[in-house]
C-alpha atoms as a PDB file:
ATOM      1  CA  MET A   1      22.523 -27.589 -44.948  1.00  0.00           C
ATOM      2  CA  THR A   2      25.184 -25.173 -43.492  1.00  0.00           C
ATOM      3  CA  ILE A   3      28.280 -23.754 -45.132  1.00  0.00           C
ATOM      4  CA  PHE A   4      30.473 -26.189 -43.271  1.00  0.00           C
ATOM      5  CA  ASP A   5      28.630 -29.230 -44.563  1.00  0.00           C
ATOM      6  CA  ASP A   6      30.899 -29.439 -47.653  1.00  0.00           C
ATOM      7  CA  PHE A   7      33.993 -28.707 -45.442  1.00  0.00           C
ATOM      8  CA  SER A   8      33.780 -31.593 -42.847  1.00  0.00           C
ATOM      9  CA  ASP A   9      36.116 -33.883 -44.973  1.00  0.00           C
ATOM     10  CA  ALA A  10      38.913 -31.186 -45.046  1.00  0.00           C
ATOM     11  CA  TYR A  11      38.437 -29.561 -41.665  1.00  0.00           C
ATOM     12  CA  ASP A  12      40.729 -31.879 -39.736  1.00  0.00           C
ATOM     13  CA  LEU A  13      43.452 -31.510 -42.458  1.00  0.00           C
ATOM     14  CA  MET A  14      43.392 -27.706 -42.037  1.00  0.00           C
ATOM     15  CA  PHE A  15      43.426 -27.878 -38.233  1.00  0.00           C
ATOM     16  CA  PRO A  16      45.521 -31.044 -37.468  1.00  0.00           C
ATOM     17  CA  TRP A  17      44.358 -32.347 -34.153  1.00  0.00           C
ATOM     18  CA  GLU A  18      47.608 -33.564 -32.708  1.00  0.00           C
ATOM     19  CA  SER A  19      48.989 -30.054 -33.233  1.00  0.00           C
ATOM     20  CA  ARG A  20      46.015 -28.503 -31.591  1.00  0.00           C
ATOM     21  CA  ARG A  21      46.086 -31.018 -28.657  1.00  0.00           C
ATOM     22  CA  LYS A  22      49.766 -30.101 -28.171  1.00  0.00           C
ATOM     23  CA  GLY A  23      49.052 -26.423 -28.195  1.00  0.00           C
ATOM     24  CA  GLU A  24      46.234 -26.863 -25.601  1.00  0.00           C
ATOM     25  CA  GLY A  25      48.484 -28.883 -23.280  1.00  0.00           C
ATOM     26  CA  SER A  26      46.877 -29.814 -19.978  1.00  0.00           C
ATOM     27  CA  PHE A  27      44.521 -26.789 -19.934  1.00  0.00           C
ATOM     28  CA  PHE A  28      41.230 -28.593 -20.069  1.00  0.00           C
ATOM     29  CA  PRO A  29      42.113 -31.532 -17.634  1.00  0.00           C
ATOM     30  CA  GLU A  30      43.548 -29.138 -15.136  1.00  0.00           C
ATOM     31  CA  LEU A  31      40.549 -26.829 -15.524  1.00  0.00           C
ATOM     32  CA  PHE A  32      37.887 -29.557 -15.216  1.00  0.00           C
ATOM     33  CA  THR A  33      39.734 -31.173 -12.249  1.00  0.00           C
ATOM     34  CA  ALA A  34      39.840 -27.939 -10.455  1.00  0.00           C
ATOM     35  CA  ALA A  35      36.130 -27.139 -11.011  1.00  0.00           C
ATOM     36  CA  GLY A  36      34.978 -30.741 -10.215  1.00  0.00           C
ATOM     37  CA  THR A  37      33.535 -31.049 -13.774  1.00  0.00           C
ATOM     38  CA  ARG A  38      31.738 -34.367 -14.532  1.00  0.00           C
ATOM     39  CA  SER A  39      29.829 -33.376 -17.609  1.00  0.00           C
ATOM     40  CA  VAL A  40      30.779 -31.111 -20.586  1.00  0.00           C
ATOM     41  CA  LEU A  41      29.074 -29.937 -23.766  1.00  0.00           C
ATOM     42  CA  ASP A  42      31.148 -28.686 -26.781  1.00  0.00           C
ATOM     43  CA  CYS A  43      28.439 -26.606 -28.447  1.00  0.00           C
ATOM     44  CA  ALA A  44      30.212 -25.967 -31.767  1.00  0.00           C
ATOM     45  CA  CYS A  45      31.900 -29.362 -31.843  1.00  0.00           C
ATOM     46  CA  GLY A  46      32.867 -29.634 -35.575  1.00  0.00           C
ATOM     47  CA  THR A  47      34.501 -32.962 -36.148  1.00  0.00           C
ATOM     48  CA  GLY A  48      34.165 -33.925 -32.425  1.00  0.00           C
ATOM     49  CA  MET A  49      37.827 -34.171 -31.469  1.00  0.00           C
ATOM     50  CA  HIS A  50      37.337 -32.155 -28.205  1.00  0.00           C
ATOM     51  CA  VAL A  51      34.400 -34.464 -27.484  1.00  0.00           C
ATOM     52  CA  VAL A  52      36.717 -37.405 -27.928  1.00  0.00           C
ATOM     53  CA  ASP A  53      39.281 -35.967 -25.586  1.00  0.00           C
ATOM     54  CA  PHE A  54      36.583 -35.083 -22.958  1.00  0.00           C
ATOM     55  CA  ALA A  55      35.269 -38.699 -23.159  1.00  0.00           C
ATOM     56  CA  ARG A  56      38.818 -40.025 -22.580  1.00  0.00           C
ATOM     57  CA  LEU A  57      38.926 -37.960 -19.480  1.00  0.00           C
ATOM     58  CA  GLY A  58      35.978 -40.063 -18.101  1.00  0.00           C
ATOM     59  CA  LEU A  59      33.501 -37.091 -18.399  1.00  0.00           C
ATOM     60  CA  ALA A  60      29.992 -37.317 -19.646  1.00  0.00           C
ATOM     61  CA  ALA A  61      30.812 -35.882 -23.111  1.00  0.00           C
ATOM     62  CA  TYR A  62      28.200 -34.010 -25.207  1.00  0.00           C
ATOM     63  CA  GLY A  63      28.653 -32.348 -28.608  1.00  0.00           C
ATOM     64  CA  SER A  64      26.369 -30.156 -30.853  1.00  0.00           C
ATOM     65  CA  ASP A  65      26.941 -28.474 -34.155  1.00  0.00           C
ATOM     66  CA  LEU A  66      24.736 -26.712 -36.621  1.00  0.00           C
ATOM     67  CA  SER A  67      26.136 -28.778 -39.474  1.00  0.00           C
ATOM     68  CA  PRO A  68      24.671 -32.282 -39.877  1.00  0.00           C
ATOM     69  CA  HIS A  69      27.832 -33.416 -41.748  1.00  0.00           C
ATOM     70  CA  MET A  70      29.985 -32.137 -39.036  1.00  0.00           C
ATOM     71  CA  VAL A  71      28.025 -34.147 -36.464  1.00  0.00           C
ATOM     72  CA  GLU A  72      28.170 -37.299 -38.480  1.00  0.00           C
ATOM     73  CA  THR A  73      31.962 -36.966 -38.769  1.00  0.00           C
ATOM     74  CA  ALA A  74      32.119 -36.353 -34.992  1.00  0.00           C
ATOM     75  CA  MET A  75      30.098 -39.512 -34.280  1.00  0.00           C
ATOM     76  CA  GLU A  76      32.516 -41.529 -36.601  1.00  0.00           C
ATOM     77  CA  ASN A  77      35.443 -40.043 -34.656  1.00  0.00           C
ATOM     78  CA  VAL A  78      33.912 -41.001 -31.325  1.00  0.00           C
ATOM     79  CA  LEU A  79      33.065 -44.520 -32.417  1.00  0.00           C
ATOM     80  CA  ARG A  80      36.452 -45.121 -34.015  1.00  0.00           C
ATOM     81  CA  GLU A  81      37.943 -44.542 -30.534  1.00  0.00           C
ATOM     82  CA  GLY A  82      35.470 -47.037 -28.907  1.00  0.00           C
ATOM     83  CA  LEU A  83      34.081 -44.216 -26.790  1.00  0.00           C
ATOM     84  CA  PHE A  84      30.636 -42.971 -26.060  1.00  0.00           C
ATOM     85  CA  ALA A  85      29.221 -39.392 -26.452  1.00  0.00           C
ATOM     86  CA  ASN A  86      25.828 -37.725 -26.913  1.00  0.00           C
ATOM     87  CA  LEU A  87      25.929 -35.805 -30.182  1.00  0.00           C
ATOM     88  CA  ARG A  88      23.073 -33.844 -31.941  1.00  0.00           C
ATOM     89  CA  VAL A  89      22.522 -31.264 -34.495  1.00  0.00           C
ATOM     90  CA  ALA A  90      21.831 -27.897 -32.816  1.00  0.00           C
ATOM     91  CA  SER A  91      22.731 -24.246 -33.047  1.00  0.00           C
ATOM     92  CA  PHE A  92      24.309 -22.616 -30.112  1.00  0.00           C
ATOM     93  CA  THR A  93      21.361 -20.104 -30.138  1.00  0.00           C
ATOM     94  CA  GLU A  94      18.932 -22.908 -29.335  1.00  0.00           C
ATOM     95  CA  LEU A  95      20.548 -25.238 -26.736  1.00  0.00           C
ATOM     96  CA  THR A  96      17.597 -24.922 -24.384  1.00  0.00           C
ATOM     97  CA  GLN A  97      15.367 -26.169 -27.064  1.00  0.00           C
ATOM     98  CA  ARG A  98      17.568 -29.062 -28.201  1.00  0.00           C
ATOM     99  CA  PHE A  99      18.599 -30.372 -24.809  1.00  0.00           C
ATOM    100  CA  ASP A 100      16.099 -31.725 -22.185  1.00  0.00           C
ATOM    101  CA  LEU A 101      15.704 -30.063 -18.775  1.00  0.00           C
ATOM    102  CA  ASP A 102      17.522 -32.931 -17.207  1.00  0.00           C
ATOM    103  CA  GLU A 103      20.493 -32.376 -19.605  1.00  0.00           C
ATOM    104  CA  ARG A 104      22.582 -29.663 -17.837  1.00  0.00           C
ATOM    105  CA  PHE A 105      26.237 -29.458 -17.696  1.00  0.00           C
ATOM    106  CA  ASP A 106      29.131 -28.585 -15.434  1.00  0.00           C
ATOM    107  CA  ALA A 107      31.061 -27.070 -18.326  1.00  0.00           C
ATOM    108  CA  VAL A 108      30.227 -25.599 -21.814  1.00  0.00           C
ATOM    109  CA  VAL A 109      32.992 -25.154 -24.400  1.00  0.00           C
ATOM    110  CA  CYS A 110      32.872 -23.045 -27.533  1.00  0.00           C
ATOM    111  CA  VAL A 111      36.307 -22.514 -28.936  1.00  0.00           C
ATOM    112  CA  GLY A 112      38.116 -22.282 -32.330  1.00  0.00           C
ATOM    113  CA  ASN A 113      36.468 -18.904 -32.996  1.00  0.00           C
ATOM    114  CA  SER A 114      33.159 -20.624 -33.606  1.00  0.00           C
ATOM    115  CA  LEU A 115      31.097 -18.140 -31.601  1.00  0.00           C
ATOM    116  CA  THR A 116      31.691 -15.199 -34.012  1.00  0.00           C
ATOM    117  CA  LEU A 117      30.314 -17.115 -36.878  1.00  0.00           C
ATOM    118  CA  ALA A 118      26.902 -16.255 -35.537  1.00  0.00           C
ATOM    119  CA  PRO A 119      24.952 -14.367 -38.233  1.00  0.00           C
ATOM    120  CA  THR A 120      24.174 -11.272 -36.007  1.00  0.00           C
ATOM    121  CA  ASP A 121      25.416  -9.590 -32.795  1.00  0.00           C
ATOM    122  CA  GLU A 122      22.163 -10.442 -31.162  1.00  0.00           C
ATOM    123  CA  ASP A 123      22.850 -14.173 -32.147  1.00  0.00           C
ATOM    124  CA  VAL A 124      26.212 -13.908 -30.341  1.00  0.00           C
ATOM    125  CA  ALA A 125      24.585 -12.571 -27.293  1.00  0.00           C
ATOM    126  CA  GLN A 126      21.699 -15.257 -27.460  1.00  0.00           C
ATOM    127  CA  ALA A 127      24.408 -17.944 -27.690  1.00  0.00           C
ATOM    128  CA  VAL A 128      26.096 -16.701 -24.600  1.00  0.00           C
ATOM    129  CA  ARG A 129      22.657 -16.636 -22.845  1.00  0.00           C
ATOM    130  CA  GLU A 130      21.985 -20.211 -23.991  1.00  0.00           C
ATOM    131  CA  MET A 131      25.233 -21.497 -22.719  1.00  0.00           C
ATOM    132  CA  HIS A 132      24.493 -19.897 -19.281  1.00  0.00           C
ATOM    133  CA  ALA A 133      21.051 -21.513 -19.316  1.00  0.00           C
ATOM    134  CA  VAL A 134      22.322 -25.018 -19.847  1.00  0.00           C
ATOM    135  CA  LEU A 135      25.005 -24.746 -17.232  1.00  0.00           C
ATOM    136  CA  ASN A 136      24.507 -26.114 -13.815  1.00  0.00           C
ATOM    137  CA  PRO A 137      24.983 -23.593 -10.928  1.00  0.00           C
ATOM    138  CA  GLY A 138      28.726 -23.146 -10.363  1.00  0.00           C
ATOM    139  CA  GLY A 139      29.412 -24.434 -13.915  1.00  0.00           C
ATOM    140  CA  ILE A 140      32.137 -23.016 -16.148  1.00  0.00           C
ATOM    141  CA  CYS A 141      31.968 -21.646 -19.756  1.00  0.00           C
ATOM    142  CA  VAL A 142      35.104 -21.537 -21.920  1.00  0.00           C
ATOM    143  CA  LEU A 143      35.033 -19.333 -25.046  1.00  0.00           C
ATOM    144  CA  GLY A 144      37.759 -18.929 -27.603  1.00  0.00           C
ATOM    145  CA  ILE A 145      37.815 -16.312 -30.395  1.00  0.00           C
ATOM    146  CA  PHE A 146      40.230 -14.121 -32.316  1.00  0.00           C
ATOM    147  CA  ASN A 147      40.992 -10.688 -30.886  1.00  0.00           C
ATOM    148  CA  TRP A 148      39.035  -9.025 -33.666  1.00  0.00           C
ATOM    149  CA  ASP A 149      39.868  -5.645 -32.345  1.00  0.00           C
ATOM    150  CA  LEU A 150      43.539  -6.178 -33.016  1.00  0.00           C
ATOM    151  CA  LEU A 151      43.070  -7.798 -36.326  1.00  0.00           C
ATOM    152  CA  ALA A 152      40.961  -4.924 -37.474  1.00  0.00           C
ATOM    153  CA  ARG A 153      43.599  -2.401 -36.329  1.00  0.00           C
ATOM    154  CA  VAL A 154      46.476  -4.188 -38.004  1.00  0.00           C
ATOM    155  CA  GLY A 155      44.442  -4.897 -41.175  1.00  0.00           C
ATOM    156  CA  VAL A 156      45.192  -8.636 -41.329  1.00  0.00           C
ATOM    157  CA  ARG A 157      43.959  -9.966 -44.741  1.00  0.00           C
ATOM    158  CA  ILE A 158      45.572 -13.322 -45.329  1.00  0.00           C
ATOM    159  CA  MET A 159      46.580 -15.834 -42.663  1.00  0.00           C
ATOM    160  CA  PRO A 160      49.666 -18.018 -43.333  1.00  0.00           C
ATOM    161  CA  ALA A 161      48.988 -20.887 -45.660  1.00  0.00           C
ATOM    162  CA  SER A 162      48.912 -24.515 -44.303  1.00  0.00           C
ATOM    163  CA  VAL A 163      49.699 -27.494 -46.365  1.00  0.00           C
ATOM    164  CA  ALA A 164      48.534 -31.128 -45.520  1.00  0.00           C
ATOM    165  CA  THR A 165      48.637 -34.422 -47.456  1.00  0.00           C
ATOM    166  CA  ARG A 166      45.823 -37.070 -47.793  1.00  0.00           C
ATOM    167  CA  GLY A 167      46.246 -40.254 -49.704  1.00  0.00           C
ATOM    168  CA  GLY A 168      48.951 -38.837 -51.985  1.00  0.00           C
ATOM    169  CA  GLU A 169      47.014 -35.565 -52.376  1.00  0.00           C
ATOM    170  CA  GLU A 170      48.416 -32.318 -51.400  1.00  0.00           C
ATOM    171  CA  VAL A 171      46.050 -29.937 -49.910  1.00  0.00           C
ATOM    172  CA  THR A 172      46.732 -26.197 -49.394  1.00  0.00           C
ATOM    173  CA  PHE A 173      44.545 -23.981 -47.267  1.00  0.00           C
ATOM    174  CA  LEU A 174      44.401 -20.139 -47.320  1.00  0.00           C
ATOM    175  CA  ARG A 175      42.290 -18.012 -45.124  1.00  0.00           C
ATOM    176  CA  VAL A 176      41.494 -14.584 -46.512  1.00  0.00           C
ATOM    177  CA  PHE A 177      39.679 -11.963 -44.494  1.00  0.00           C
ATOM    178  CA  HIS A 178      37.828  -8.916 -45.802  1.00  0.00           C
ATOM    179  CA  HIS A 179      36.871  -6.465 -43.107  1.00  0.00           C
ATOM    180  CA  ARG A 180      33.548  -4.671 -43.789  1.00  0.00           C
ATOM    181  CA  GLY A 181      32.824  -2.666 -40.655  1.00  0.00           C
ATOM    182  CA  ASP A 182      30.130  -4.683 -38.781  1.00  0.00           C
ATOM    183  CA  ARG A 183      31.207  -7.939 -40.314  1.00  0.00           C
ATOM    184  CA  ILE A 184      34.271  -9.700 -41.641  1.00  0.00           C
ATOM    185  CA  ASP A 185      33.906 -11.918 -44.719  1.00  0.00           C
ATOM    186  CA  LEU A 186      36.141 -15.051 -44.438  1.00  0.00           C
ATOM    187  CA  ASN A 187      36.976 -17.002 -47.551  1.00  0.00           C
ATOM    188  CA  ILE A 188      38.793 -20.342 -46.987  1.00  0.00           C
ATOM    189  CA  VAL A 189      40.428 -21.420 -50.207  1.00  0.00           C
ATOM    190  CA  VAL A 190      41.217 -25.180 -50.468  1.00  0.00           C
ATOM    191  CA  MET A 191      43.520 -26.180 -53.294  1.00  0.00           C
ATOM    192  CA  SER A 192      43.889 -29.944 -53.940  1.00  0.00           C
ATOM    193  CA  ARG A 193      46.824 -31.053 -56.110  1.00  0.00           C
ATOM    194  CA  LYS A 194      46.824 -34.778 -57.346  1.00  0.00           C
ATOM    195  CA  ASN A 195      48.035 -36.438 -60.539  1.00  0.00           C
ATOM    196  CA  GLY A 196      49.255 -33.033 -61.978  1.00  0.00           C
ATOM    197  CA  GLY A 197      45.889 -31.437 -61.614  1.00  0.00           C
ATOM    198  CA  VAL A 198      44.520 -28.687 -59.152  1.00  0.00           C
ATOM    199  CA  GLU A 199      41.027 -28.621 -57.807  1.00  0.00           C
ATOM    200  CA  THR A 200      40.033 -25.341 -55.993  1.00  0.00           C
ATOM    201  CA  ARG A 201      37.131 -24.889 -53.488  1.00  0.00           C
ATOM    202  CA  VAL A 202      36.164 -21.810 -51.737  1.00  0.00           C
ATOM    203  CA  LEU A 203      34.221 -21.746 -48.514  1.00  0.00           C
ATOM    204  CA  ALA A 204      32.584 -18.318 -47.745  1.00  0.00           C
ATOM    205  CA  ALA A 205      31.608 -17.469 -44.194  1.00  0.00           C
ATOM    206  CA  HIS A 206      30.706 -14.203 -42.342  1.00  0.00           C
ATOM    207  CA  GLN A 207      32.098 -13.472 -38.835  1.00  0.00           C
ATOM    208  CA  ARG A 208      31.062 -10.923 -36.293  1.00  0.00           C
ATOM    209  CA  PRO A 209      34.049  -8.808 -35.211  1.00  0.00           C
ATOM    210  CA  VAL A 210      33.091  -9.083 -31.509  1.00  0.00           C
ATOM    211  CA  GLY A 211      35.848  -7.589 -29.377  1.00  0.00           C
ATOM    212  CA  PRO A 212      36.746  -8.283 -25.848  1.00  0.00           C
ATOM    213  CA  GLU A 213      34.690  -5.366 -24.308  1.00  0.00           C
ATOM    214  CA  ARG A 214      31.458  -6.621 -26.162  1.00  0.00           C
ATOM    215  CA  LEU A 215      32.036 -10.208 -25.274  1.00  0.00           C
ATOM    216  CA  SER A 216      32.501  -9.162 -21.591  1.00  0.00           C
ATOM    217  CA  ALA A 217      29.376  -7.240 -21.771  1.00  0.00           C
ATOM    218  CA  TYR A 218      27.366 -10.284 -23.206  1.00  0.00           C
ATOM    219  CA  LEU A 219      28.818 -12.449 -20.502  1.00  0.00           C
ATOM    220  CA  GLU A 220      27.780 -10.081 -17.739  1.00  0.00           C
ATOM    221  CA  SER A 221      24.358  -9.544 -19.127  1.00  0.00           C
ATOM    222  CA  ALA A 222      23.756 -13.267 -19.356  1.00  0.00           C
ATOM    223  CA  GLY A 223      24.684 -13.673 -15.640  1.00  0.00           C
ATOM    224  CA  PHE A 224      28.194 -15.019 -15.630  1.00  0.00           C
ATOM    225  CA  SER A 225      30.671 -13.992 -12.941  1.00  0.00           C
ATOM    226  CA  SER A 226      34.367 -14.487 -12.193  1.00  0.00           C
ATOM    227  CA  VAL A 227      35.335 -13.839 -15.758  1.00  0.00           C
ATOM    228  CA  GLU A 228      39.152 -14.621 -16.485  1.00  0.00           C
ATOM    229  CA  THR A 229      40.734 -13.678 -19.809  1.00  0.00           C
ATOM    230  CA  PHE A 230      43.902 -15.322 -21.314  1.00  0.00           C
ATOM    231  CA  SER A 231      45.766 -14.993 -24.554  1.00  0.00           C
ATOM    232  CA  GLY A 232      45.753 -18.749 -25.091  1.00  0.00           C
ATOM    233  CA  TYR A 233      45.872 -22.157 -23.422  1.00  0.00           C
ATOM    234  CA  ASP A 234      49.177 -21.351 -21.760  1.00  0.00           C
ATOM    235  CA  ARG A 235      47.086 -19.031 -19.454  1.00  0.00           C
ATOM    236  CA  LYS A 236      49.242 -15.933 -20.202  1.00  0.00           C
ATOM    237  CA  PRO A 237      47.386 -12.815 -19.433  1.00  0.00           C
ATOM    238  CA  PHE A 238      45.324 -11.286 -22.260  1.00  0.00           C
ATOM    239  CA  ASP A 239      46.579  -8.051 -23.753  1.00  0.00           C
ATOM    240  CA  PRO A 240      44.119  -6.225 -25.977  1.00  0.00           C
ATOM    241  CA  ALA A 241      46.986  -4.472 -27.745  1.00  0.00           C
ATOM    242  CA  THR A 242      49.072  -7.558 -28.575  1.00  0.00           C
ATOM    243  CA  SER A 243      47.172 -10.883 -28.105  1.00  0.00           C
ATOM    244  CA  ASP A 244      46.008 -12.472 -31.291  1.00  0.00           C
ATOM    245  CA  ASN A 245      43.586 -14.662 -29.459  1.00  0.00           C
ATOM    246  CA  LEU A 246      41.094 -14.249 -26.520  1.00  0.00           C
ATOM    247  CA  LEU A 247      40.373 -17.301 -24.252  1.00  0.00           C
ATOM    248  CA  VAL A 248      37.630 -16.660 -21.731  1.00  0.00           C
ATOM    249  CA  VAL A 249      36.760 -18.767 -18.630  1.00  0.00           C
ATOM    250  CA  ALA A 250      33.506 -17.588 -16.948  1.00  0.00           C
ATOM    251  CA  ARG A 251      31.579 -19.152 -14.134  1.00  0.00           C
ATOM    252  CA  LYS A 252      27.839 -19.371 -13.549  1.00  0.00           C
ATOM    253  CA  PRO A 253      27.120 -18.391  -9.967  1.00  0.00           C
END
């Protein structure tokens, strides 16, 4: 069991996929076309919606996640669309153990701030090494995280609330951060309102405040080259002083 096993039912409500897809635009199709990508692994796939989109592009689509419930939900989403994908339960720190030697990829994706949920800094570095190891030569790695250095400086504590509806039920989400030096405690408060009553759940997780410089060092140490940094899927340049997010595209020589 992982902390996200009990959250798989609400994840897509909190992060509506159509909004995310619109925000990503043509980033992945253009990137994969330019790189000649034929196979892709989303190594923290959650409910599998990126895997669905990658399969729709005609790619050999793979997904892995530490949460068995997330993987089950991902498989349901893939099958609902009449698509095929290879999904399995696996941490991004053990990709070479969970995928066979003949399962290597032209692209590996780890976005949505998943990478910094690793328990320790060494786990973050190990995850980057594992992504490098399962890539084919010339393959690309796409990482997406918050700009933790900026969030720490400005002291962000509460992200804007989001509200969704499900079967007549109103669900409100709050993300509350507590900065504690070498880690950031994240509490996701889920408030469900139905028939005049309110049910509240709290998901507690810890994130590593890995900033741009450390992530670049991990990528270089793992053997990546040609590292490009953006502030988002619109490919605007990353600015450490102002960008809320960091999107990295790195290539394996």
